[in-house]
Amino acid sequence: MTEDAAALDRISSHTRRLKLDWSTDPVAVALRDALVRRVREFPAVRSVWVAQVRWRASGEEHLMLHVAVDEDLPSASADRLMQILLGEEVKLGPRHPKVGMLALNTTTHADTIAQLDRQGLDTVRHDVESGQVQVISREYDNPSAAPANGAAPPPRAKRRWFGRS
């Protein structure tokens, strides 16, 4: 078995043992917001999915970032991005969920990446050529109904920057 095939088999086995879902956990939202601010610093990072993960065997839950990269694995960019997110952006305390990361190569793991895209997870996409960052989130879906008589909608409540010092 080639190294790429072995890596693909490990990822496939990994995803069969987990259930991924969208998360409203404040840590998940803070990670998504931090990704928007920091992803441009990592040209090899194409997309990041933020998910609530439940291990099927134990029922244990964590947060997981799946990071699509245009570089060989193990990904130095994905590792450094996680160090910055958890070291500078989102401070985790003892009561917060654990956070894990799985790097995926955009070519080798294209099927897994396509599957992640279909799951409705918070996604941060980075287009290096244009410098654009796109956020896909259920939080922004189904906006509240427009106010009557053309009145301005109420301002959106500001979220505090989770755990930043």
N, C-alpha and C. Protein backbone atom coordinates (compact mmCIF):
# COMPACT_ATOMS: atom_id res chain seq x y z
N MET A 1 0.85 -1.17 0.00
CA MET A 1 0.00 0.00 0.00
C MET A 1 0.90 1.23 0.00
N THR A 2 0.59 2.20 -0.90
CA THR A 2 1.38 3.42 -0.95
C THR A 2 1.11 4.28 0.28
N GLU A 3 1.98 5.25 0.50
CA GLU A 3 1.81 6.14 1.65
C GLU A 3 0.51 6.93 1.55
N ASP A 4 0.18 7.41 0.32
CA ASP A 4 -1.07 8.15 0.12
C ASP A 4 -2.28 7.26 0.37
N ALA A 5 -2.24 6.02 -0.11
CA ALA A 5 -3.36 5.10 0.09
C ALA A 5 -3.52 4.78 1.57
N ALA A 6 -2.41 4.62 2.27
CA ALA A 6 -2.48 4.34 3.71
C ALA A 6 -3.08 5.52 4.46
N ALA A 7 -2.70 6.74 4.08
CA ALA A 7 -3.24 7.94 4.73
C ALA A 7 -4.74 8.04 4.45
N LEU A 8 -5.15 7.77 3.23
CA LEU A 8 -6.56 7.82 2.87
C LEU A 8 -7.36 6.78 3.66
N ASP A 9 -6.80 5.59 3.83
CA ASP A 9 -7.46 4.54 4.60
C ASP A 9 -7.62 4.96 6.06
N ARG A 10 -6.60 5.60 6.63
CA ARG A 10 -6.68 6.07 8.02
C ARG A 10 -7.78 7.12 8.17
N ILE A 11 -7.86 8.06 7.23
CA ILE A 11 -8.88 9.11 7.29
C ILE A 11 -10.26 8.51 7.12
N SER A 12 -10.42 7.58 6.20
CA SER A 12 -11.72 6.94 5.99
C SER A 12 -12.16 6.20 7.24
N SER A 13 -11.24 5.48 7.87
CA SER A 13 -11.54 4.77 9.11
C SER A 13 -11.91 5.76 10.21
N HIS A 14 -11.20 6.86 10.26
CA HIS A 14 -11.43 7.92 11.26
C HIS A 14 -12.85 8.47 11.12
N THR A 15 -13.27 8.78 9.89
CA THR A 15 -14.58 9.40 9.69
C THR A 15 -15.72 8.42 9.95
N ARG A 16 -15.49 7.13 9.81
CA ARG A 16 -16.54 6.15 10.12
C ARG A 16 -16.77 6.04 11.62
N ARG A 17 -15.78 6.39 12.41
CA ARG A 17 -15.89 6.29 13.87
C ARG A 17 -16.48 7.55 14.49
N LEU A 18 -16.69 8.60 13.71
CA LEU A 18 -17.15 9.88 14.23
C LEU A 18 -18.49 10.27 13.62
N LYS A 19 -19.21 11.10 14.34
CA LYS A 19 -20.37 11.79 13.79
C LYS A 19 -20.06 13.27 13.88
N LEU A 20 -20.07 13.93 12.74
CA LEU A 20 -19.78 15.37 12.68
C LEU A 20 -21.08 16.14 12.60
N ASP A 21 -21.12 17.29 13.27
CA ASP A 21 -22.31 18.12 13.22
C ASP A 21 -21.90 19.58 13.39
N TRP A 22 -22.81 20.46 13.00
CA TRP A 22 -22.61 21.89 13.18
C TRP A 22 -22.67 22.20 14.67
N SER A 23 -21.94 23.20 15.10
CA SER A 23 -21.88 23.51 16.53
C SER A 23 -22.14 24.98 16.78
N THR A 24 -22.93 25.24 17.82
CA THR A 24 -23.13 26.62 18.29
C THR A 24 -22.31 26.89 19.55
N ASP A 25 -21.47 25.95 19.93
CA ASP A 25 -20.62 26.13 21.11
C ASP A 25 -19.83 27.42 20.94
N PRO A 26 -19.74 28.25 21.98
CA PRO A 26 -18.99 29.51 21.86
C PRO A 26 -17.54 29.31 21.42
N VAL A 27 -16.94 28.19 21.78
CA VAL A 27 -15.56 27.92 21.35
C VAL A 27 -15.54 27.69 19.83
N ALA A 28 -16.52 26.97 19.30
CA ALA A 28 -16.58 26.73 17.85
C ALA A 28 -16.75 28.04 17.10
N VAL A 29 -17.62 28.90 17.59
CA VAL A 29 -17.84 30.20 16.95
C VAL A 29 -16.58 31.05 17.03
N ALA A 30 -15.91 31.02 18.17
CA ALA A 30 -14.67 31.79 18.34
C ALA A 30 -13.58 31.28 17.41
N LEU A 31 -13.50 29.95 17.24
CA LEU A 31 -12.51 29.40 16.31
C LEU A 31 -12.81 29.83 14.88
N ARG A 32 -14.07 29.78 14.49
CA ARG A 32 -14.45 30.20 13.14
C ARG A 32 -14.08 31.67 12.92
N ASP A 33 -14.40 32.52 13.89
CA ASP A 33 -14.09 33.94 13.76
C ASP A 33 -12.59 34.19 13.72
N ALA A 34 -11.83 33.44 14.51
CA ALA A 34 -10.37 33.57 14.51
C ALA A 34 -9.78 33.10 13.17
N LEU A 35 -10.36 32.05 12.61
CA LEU A 35 -9.91 31.58 11.29
C LEU A 35 -10.08 32.67 10.24
N VAL A 36 -11.19 33.37 10.29
CA VAL A 36 -11.43 34.45 9.33
C VAL A 36 -10.32 35.50 9.44
N ARG A 37 -9.91 35.80 10.66
CA ARG A 37 -8.87 36.81 10.87
C ARG A 37 -7.48 36.31 10.47
N ARG A 38 -7.19 35.02 10.64
CA ARG A 38 -5.81 34.54 10.53
C ARG A 38 -5.50 33.68 9.30
N VAL A 39 -6.49 33.16 8.60
CA VAL A 39 -6.23 32.18 7.54
C VAL A 39 -5.38 32.74 6.40
N ARG A 40 -5.45 34.04 6.15
CA ARG A 40 -4.64 34.64 5.06
C ARG A 40 -3.14 34.48 5.30
N GLU A 41 -2.75 34.27 6.53
CA GLU A 41 -1.33 34.10 6.86
C GLU A 41 -0.80 32.75 6.41
N PHE A 42 -1.69 31.87 5.91
CA PHE A 42 -1.32 30.50 5.57
C PHE A 42 -1.75 30.17 4.14
N PRO A 43 -0.91 30.51 3.15
CA PRO A 43 -1.29 30.33 1.75
C PRO A 43 -1.61 28.88 1.37
N ALA A 44 -1.10 27.91 2.07
CA ALA A 44 -1.38 26.51 1.74
C ALA A 44 -2.76 26.06 2.23
N VAL A 45 -3.37 26.81 3.13
CA VAL A 45 -4.68 26.44 3.67
C VAL A 45 -5.78 26.93 2.73
N ARG A 46 -6.61 26.00 2.28
CA ARG A 46 -7.70 26.33 1.36
C ARG A 46 -9.05 26.44 2.06
N SER A 47 -9.36 25.50 2.93
CA SER A 47 -10.64 25.50 3.64
C SER A 47 -10.45 24.89 5.02
N VAL A 48 -11.29 25.35 5.95
CA VAL A 48 -11.30 24.77 7.29
C VAL A 48 -12.77 24.57 7.68
N TRP A 49 -13.10 23.37 8.13
CA TRP A 49 -14.44 23.06 8.61
C TRP A 49 -14.38 22.92 10.12
N VAL A 50 -15.30 23.57 10.82
CA VAL A 50 -15.38 23.51 12.28
C VAL A 50 -16.57 22.63 12.62
N ALA A 51 -16.32 21.56 13.37
CA ALA A 51 -17.39 20.59 13.63
C ALA A 51 -17.42 20.16 15.09
N GLN A 52 -18.63 19.84 15.54
CA GLN A 52 -18.82 19.14 16.81
C GLN A 52 -18.66 17.66 16.45
N VAL A 53 -17.81 16.96 17.15
CA VAL A 53 -17.52 15.56 16.86
C VAL A 53 -18.00 14.70 18.01
N ARG A 54 -18.74 13.67 17.67
CA ARG A 54 -19.13 12.68 18.68
C ARG A 54 -18.55 11.35 18.24
N TRP A 55 -17.73 10.76 19.11
CA TRP A 55 -17.18 9.44 18.83
C TRP A 55 -18.30 8.42 18.99
N ARG A 56 -18.54 7.65 17.95
CA ARG A 56 -19.65 6.70 17.95
C ARG A 56 -19.52 5.65 19.05
N ALA A 57 -18.33 5.18 19.33
CA ALA A 57 -18.14 4.11 20.31
C ALA A 57 -18.37 4.59 21.74
N SER A 58 -17.83 5.76 22.09
CA SER A 58 -17.87 6.22 23.48
C SER A 58 -18.92 7.30 23.74
N GLY A 59 -19.37 7.99 22.70
CA GLY A 59 -20.29 9.11 22.88
C GLY A 59 -19.59 10.39 23.30
N GLU A 60 -18.28 10.34 23.49
CA GLU A 60 -17.51 11.51 23.89
C GLU A 60 -17.56 12.57 22.79
N GLU A 61 -17.64 13.85 23.20
CA GLU A 61 -17.73 14.93 22.23
C GLU A 61 -16.58 15.91 22.35
N HIS A 62 -16.14 16.42 21.21
CA HIS A 62 -15.06 17.39 21.11
C HIS A 62 -15.38 18.31 19.94
N LEU A 63 -14.53 19.29 19.73
CA LEU A 63 -14.57 20.09 18.52
C LEU A 63 -13.42 19.64 17.63
N MET A 64 -13.65 19.68 16.32
CA MET A 64 -12.62 19.23 15.38
C MET A 64 -12.55 20.21 14.22
N LEU A 65 -11.33 20.56 13.86
CA LEU A 65 -11.09 21.35 12.66
C LEU A 65 -10.51 20.41 11.61
N HIS A 66 -11.14 20.35 10.46
CA HIS A 66 -10.59 19.64 9.31
C HIS A 66 -10.01 20.73 8.42
N VAL A 67 -8.73 20.62 8.11
CA VAL A 67 -8.02 21.68 7.39
C VAL A 67 -7.54 21.14 6.04
N ALA A 68 -8.08 21.68 4.94
CA ALA A 68 -7.66 21.29 3.59
C ALA A 68 -6.45 22.13 3.20
N VAL A 69 -5.36 21.45 2.84
CA VAL A 69 -4.11 22.15 2.52
C VAL A 69 -3.57 21.68 1.17
N ASP A 70 -2.89 22.61 0.50
CA ASP A 70 -2.18 22.31 -0.74
C ASP A 70 -0.70 22.08 -0.44
N GLU A 71 -0.43 21.11 0.41
CA GLU A 71 0.95 20.75 0.72
C GLU A 71 0.96 19.32 1.23
N ASP A 72 2.14 18.71 1.22
CA ASP A 72 2.26 17.34 1.69
C ASP A 72 1.93 17.25 3.17
N LEU A 73 1.43 16.09 3.56
CA LEU A 73 1.15 15.81 4.97
C LEU A 73 2.33 15.09 5.59
N PRO A 74 2.63 15.30 6.83
CA PRO A 74 1.93 16.17 7.77
C PRO A 74 2.13 17.64 7.38
N SER A 75 1.10 18.43 7.60
CA SER A 75 1.07 19.81 7.15
C SER A 75 1.63 20.76 8.19
N ALA A 76 2.74 21.40 7.84
CA ALA A 76 3.32 22.41 8.73
C ALA A 76 2.38 23.60 8.86
N SER A 77 1.68 23.95 7.78
CA SER A 77 0.76 25.09 7.81
C SER A 77 -0.41 24.84 8.75
N ALA A 78 -1.02 23.65 8.66
CA ALA A 78 -2.16 23.32 9.53
C ALA A 78 -1.71 23.28 11.00
N ASP A 79 -0.54 22.70 11.25
CA ASP A 79 -0.03 22.65 12.63
C ASP A 79 0.21 24.04 13.18
N ARG A 80 0.83 24.91 12.39
CA ARG A 80 1.13 26.27 12.84
C ARG A 80 -0.16 27.07 13.02
N LEU A 81 -1.13 26.89 12.12
CA LEU A 81 -2.41 27.57 12.26
C LEU A 81 -3.07 27.19 13.59
N MET A 82 -3.06 25.91 13.93
CA MET A 82 -3.65 25.48 15.21
C MET A 82 -2.90 26.07 16.40
N GLN A 83 -1.57 26.11 16.32
CA GLN A 83 -0.79 26.72 17.40
C GLN A 83 -1.20 28.17 17.62
N ILE A 84 -1.37 28.90 16.53
CA ILE A 84 -1.74 30.32 16.64
C ILE A 84 -3.18 30.45 17.16
N LEU A 85 -4.09 29.65 16.62
CA LEU A 85 -5.49 29.74 17.06
C LEU A 85 -5.61 29.49 18.56
N LEU A 86 -4.97 28.43 19.03
CA LEU A 86 -5.12 28.05 20.44
C LEU A 86 -4.13 28.77 21.36
N GLY A 87 -3.09 29.35 20.80
CA GLY A 87 -2.12 30.06 21.62
C GLY A 87 -2.38 31.55 21.71
N GLU A 88 -2.94 32.14 20.65
CA GLU A 88 -3.11 33.59 20.60
C GLU A 88 -4.56 34.05 20.49
N GLU A 89 -5.42 33.24 19.91
CA GLU A 89 -6.77 33.68 19.60
C GLU A 89 -7.82 33.18 20.57
N VAL A 90 -7.85 31.89 20.83
CA VAL A 90 -8.91 31.28 21.63
C VAL A 90 -8.25 30.57 22.82
N LYS A 91 -8.48 31.11 23.98
CA LYS A 91 -7.90 30.52 25.19
C LYS A 91 -8.88 29.50 25.76
N LEU A 92 -8.46 28.26 25.85
CA LEU A 92 -9.32 27.20 26.37
C LEU A 92 -9.10 27.02 27.86
N GLY A 93 -10.18 26.84 28.55
CA GLY A 93 -10.13 26.57 29.98
C GLY A 93 -10.52 25.13 30.25
N PRO A 94 -10.49 24.72 31.52
CA PRO A 94 -10.77 23.32 31.86
C PRO A 94 -12.21 22.88 31.54
N ARG A 95 -13.13 23.80 31.45
CA ARG A 95 -14.53 23.43 31.16
C ARG A 95 -14.88 23.49 29.68
N HIS A 96 -13.94 23.93 28.85
CA HIS A 96 -14.19 24.02 27.41
C HIS A 96 -13.98 22.66 26.76
N PRO A 97 -14.61 22.45 25.61
CA PRO A 97 -14.39 21.18 24.91
C PRO A 97 -12.95 21.08 24.41
N LYS A 98 -12.48 19.85 24.27
CA LYS A 98 -11.18 19.63 23.65
C LYS A 98 -11.31 19.98 22.18
N VAL A 99 -10.19 20.40 21.58
CA VAL A 99 -10.18 20.77 20.17
C VAL A 99 -9.10 19.96 19.47
N GLY A 100 -9.49 19.30 18.38
CA GLY A 100 -8.53 18.53 17.59
C GLY A 100 -8.47 19.07 16.17
N MET A 101 -7.49 18.58 15.41
CA MET A 101 -7.31 19.03 14.04
C MET A 101 -6.88 17.84 13.20
N LEU A 102 -7.43 17.78 11.98
CA LEU A 102 -7.05 16.77 11.01
C LEU A 102 -6.76 17.50 9.70
N ALA A 103 -5.52 17.39 9.22
CA ALA A 103 -5.14 18.01 7.95
C ALA A 103 -5.47 17.05 6.82
N LEU A 104 -5.99 17.63 5.72
CA LEU A 104 -6.35 16.86 4.53
C LEU A 104 -5.68 17.49 3.32
N ASN A 105 -5.05 16.68 2.50
CA ASN A 105 -4.44 17.18 1.28
C ASN A 105 -5.54 17.35 0.23
N THR A 106 -5.56 18.52 -0.43
CA THR A 106 -6.65 18.84 -1.36
C THR A 106 -6.73 17.87 -2.54
N THR A 107 -5.63 17.25 -2.90
CA THR A 107 -5.65 16.29 -4.02
C THR A 107 -5.93 14.88 -3.52
N THR A 108 -5.16 14.42 -2.59
CA THR A 108 -5.28 13.06 -2.09
C THR A 108 -6.62 12.80 -1.41
N HIS A 109 -7.14 13.78 -0.70
CA HIS A 109 -8.36 13.61 0.09
C HIS A 109 -9.55 14.36 -0.49
N ALA A 110 -9.59 14.49 -1.81
CA ALA A 110 -10.66 15.26 -2.47
C ALA A 110 -12.04 14.70 -2.14
N ASP A 111 -12.19 13.38 -2.05
CA ASP A 111 -13.50 12.79 -1.74
C ASP A 111 -13.95 13.15 -0.32
N THR A 112 -13.02 13.10 0.63
CA THR A 112 -13.34 13.47 2.01
C THR A 112 -13.70 14.94 2.10
N ILE A 113 -12.98 15.78 1.37
CA ILE A 113 -13.26 17.21 1.35
C ILE A 113 -14.65 17.48 0.78
N ALA A 114 -15.00 16.79 -0.30
CA ALA A 114 -16.34 16.94 -0.89
C ALA A 114 -17.41 16.51 0.11
N GLN A 115 -17.14 15.45 0.85
CA GLN A 115 -18.09 14.97 1.87
C GLN A 115 -18.26 16.03 2.98
N LEU A 116 -17.17 16.64 3.42
CA LEU A 116 -17.25 17.69 4.44
C LEU A 116 -18.08 18.87 3.93
N ASP A 117 -17.92 19.20 2.66
CA ASP A 117 -18.69 20.31 2.08
C ASP A 117 -20.19 20.07 2.12
N ARG A 118 -20.60 18.81 2.06
CA ARG A 118 -22.02 18.47 2.04
C ARG A 118 -22.65 18.40 3.43
N GLN A 119 -21.86 18.52 4.49
CA GLN A 119 -22.38 18.29 5.83
C GLN A 119 -22.94 19.51 6.54
N GLY A 120 -22.88 20.67 5.94
CA GLY A 120 -23.46 21.86 6.56
C GLY A 120 -22.69 22.38 7.76
N LEU A 121 -21.39 22.15 7.77
CA LEU A 121 -20.55 22.61 8.87
C LEU A 121 -20.12 24.05 8.62
N ASP A 122 -19.77 24.77 9.68
CA ASP A 122 -19.16 26.08 9.50
C ASP A 122 -17.88 25.88 8.70
N THR A 123 -17.74 26.68 7.65
CA THR A 123 -16.60 26.53 6.75
C THR A 123 -15.98 27.89 6.50
N VAL A 124 -14.65 27.93 6.54
CA VAL A 124 -13.91 29.14 6.19
C VAL A 124 -13.06 28.77 4.98
N ARG A 125 -13.31 29.45 3.86
CA ARG A 125 -12.57 29.20 2.61
C ARG A 125 -11.63 30.36 2.33
N HIS A 126 -10.44 30.00 1.85
CA HIS A 126 -9.41 30.99 1.57
C HIS A 126 -9.01 30.88 0.11
N ASP A 127 -9.25 31.93 -0.67
CA ASP A 127 -8.82 31.99 -2.06
C ASP A 127 -7.55 32.84 -2.10
N VAL A 128 -6.42 32.16 -2.25
CA VAL A 128 -5.13 32.84 -2.19
C VAL A 128 -4.98 33.87 -3.31
N GLU A 129 -5.44 33.52 -4.51
CA GLU A 129 -5.28 34.43 -5.66
C GLU A 129 -5.96 35.78 -5.44
N SER A 130 -7.19 35.76 -4.94
CA SER A 130 -7.93 37.01 -4.74
C SER A 130 -7.75 37.59 -3.35
N GLY A 131 -7.27 36.77 -2.41
CA GLY A 131 -7.15 37.22 -1.03
C GLY A 131 -8.47 37.17 -0.28
N GLN A 132 -9.52 36.68 -0.93
CA GLN A 132 -10.86 36.64 -0.34
C GLN A 132 -10.97 35.48 0.67
N VAL A 133 -11.70 35.75 1.74
CA VAL A 133 -12.05 34.73 2.72
C VAL A 133 -13.57 34.66 2.74
N GLN A 134 -14.10 33.48 2.59
CA GLN A 134 -15.54 33.27 2.57
C GLN A 134 -15.93 32.43 3.78
N VAL A 135 -17.01 32.83 4.46
CA VAL A 135 -17.53 32.09 5.59
C VAL A 135 -18.88 31.51 5.21
N ILE A 136 -19.02 30.23 5.41
CA ILE A 136 -20.29 29.55 5.19
C ILE A 136 -20.74 29.04 6.55
N SER A 137 -21.91 29.50 7.00
CA SER A 137 -22.38 29.12 8.32
C SER A 137 -23.90 29.17 8.39
N ARG A 138 -24.47 28.23 9.08
CA ARG A 138 -25.92 28.26 9.32
C ARG A 138 -26.31 29.50 10.11
N GLU A 139 -25.38 30.05 10.86
CA GLU A 139 -25.66 31.25 11.64
C GLU A 139 -26.15 32.38 10.75
N TYR A 140 -25.67 32.40 9.50
CA TYR A 140 -26.03 33.46 8.58
C TYR A 140 -27.19 33.07 7.67
N ASP A 141 -27.65 31.83 7.73
CA ASP A 141 -28.79 31.38 6.94
C ASP A 141 -30.08 31.86 7.59
N ASN A 142 -31.15 31.85 6.82
CA ASN A 142 -32.48 32.18 7.32
C ASN A 142 -32.50 33.47 8.13
N PRO A 143 -32.12 34.60 7.52
CA PRO A 143 -32.15 35.85 8.28
C PRO A 143 -33.57 36.13 8.76
N SER A 144 -33.67 36.83 9.85
CA SER A 144 -34.99 37.13 10.40
C SER A 144 -35.79 37.94 9.38
N ALA A 145 -37.07 37.85 9.49
CA ALA A 145 -37.95 38.52 8.53
C ALA A 145 -37.67 40.01 8.52
N ALA A 146 -37.87 40.61 7.35
CA ALA A 146 -37.65 42.05 7.22
C ALA A 146 -38.66 42.79 8.09
N PRO A 147 -38.25 43.88 8.71
CA PRO A 147 -39.16 44.65 9.55
C PRO A 147 -40.28 45.28 8.71
N ALA A 148 -41.40 45.50 9.34
CA ALA A 148 -42.56 46.09 8.66
C ALA A 148 -42.30 47.55 8.33
N ASN A 149 -42.96 48.03 7.31
CA ASN A 149 -42.95 49.45 6.91
C ASN A 149 -41.56 49.99 6.61
N GLY A 150 -40.65 49.13 6.18
CA GLY A 150 -39.33 49.60 5.78
C GLY A 150 -38.44 50.05 6.92
N ALA A 151 -38.82 49.77 8.16
CA ALA A 151 -37.99 50.16 9.30
C ALA A 151 -36.66 49.40 9.24
N ALA A 152 -35.64 49.99 9.76
CA ALA A 152 -34.32 49.35 9.77
C ALA A 152 -34.35 48.14 10.70
N PRO A 153 -33.65 47.07 10.32
CA PRO A 153 -33.60 45.91 11.21
C PRO A 153 -32.82 46.26 12.47
N PRO A 154 -33.11 45.57 13.58
CA PRO A 154 -32.35 45.85 14.79
C PRO A 154 -30.90 45.48 14.58
N PRO A 155 -29.97 46.20 15.21
CA PRO A 155 -28.56 45.87 15.03
C PRO A 155 -28.26 44.49 15.60
N ARG A 156 -27.34 43.81 14.95
CA ARG A 156 -26.95 42.48 15.39
C ARG A 156 -26.12 42.60 16.66
N ALA A 157 -26.43 41.76 17.64
CA ALA A 157 -25.69 41.80 18.90
C ALA A 157 -24.22 41.47 18.65
N LYS A 158 -23.35 42.22 19.28
CA LYS A 158 -21.91 41.95 19.15
C LYS A 158 -21.55 40.77 20.04
N ARG A 159 -20.70 39.91 19.47
CA ARG A 159 -20.18 38.78 20.24
C ARG A 159 -18.83 39.18 20.81
N ARG A 160 -18.59 38.80 22.02
CA ARG A 160 -17.27 39.12 22.57
C ARG A 160 -16.26 38.16 21.96
N TRP A 161 -15.04 38.56 21.90
CA TRP A 161 -13.99 37.72 21.38
C TRP A 161 -13.67 36.70 22.44
N PHE A 162 -14.10 35.52 22.22
CA PHE A 162 -14.02 34.45 23.20
C PHE A 162 -12.60 34.23 23.69
N GLY A 163 -12.41 34.33 24.99
CA GLY A 163 -11.15 33.94 25.64
C GLY A 163 -9.93 34.75 25.26
N ARG A 164 -10.12 35.87 24.59
CA ARG A 164 -8.94 36.67 24.22
C ARG A 164 -8.54 37.52 25.40
N SER A 165 -7.26 37.65 25.55
CA SER A 165 -6.79 38.48 26.65
C SER A 165 -6.35 39.83 26.17
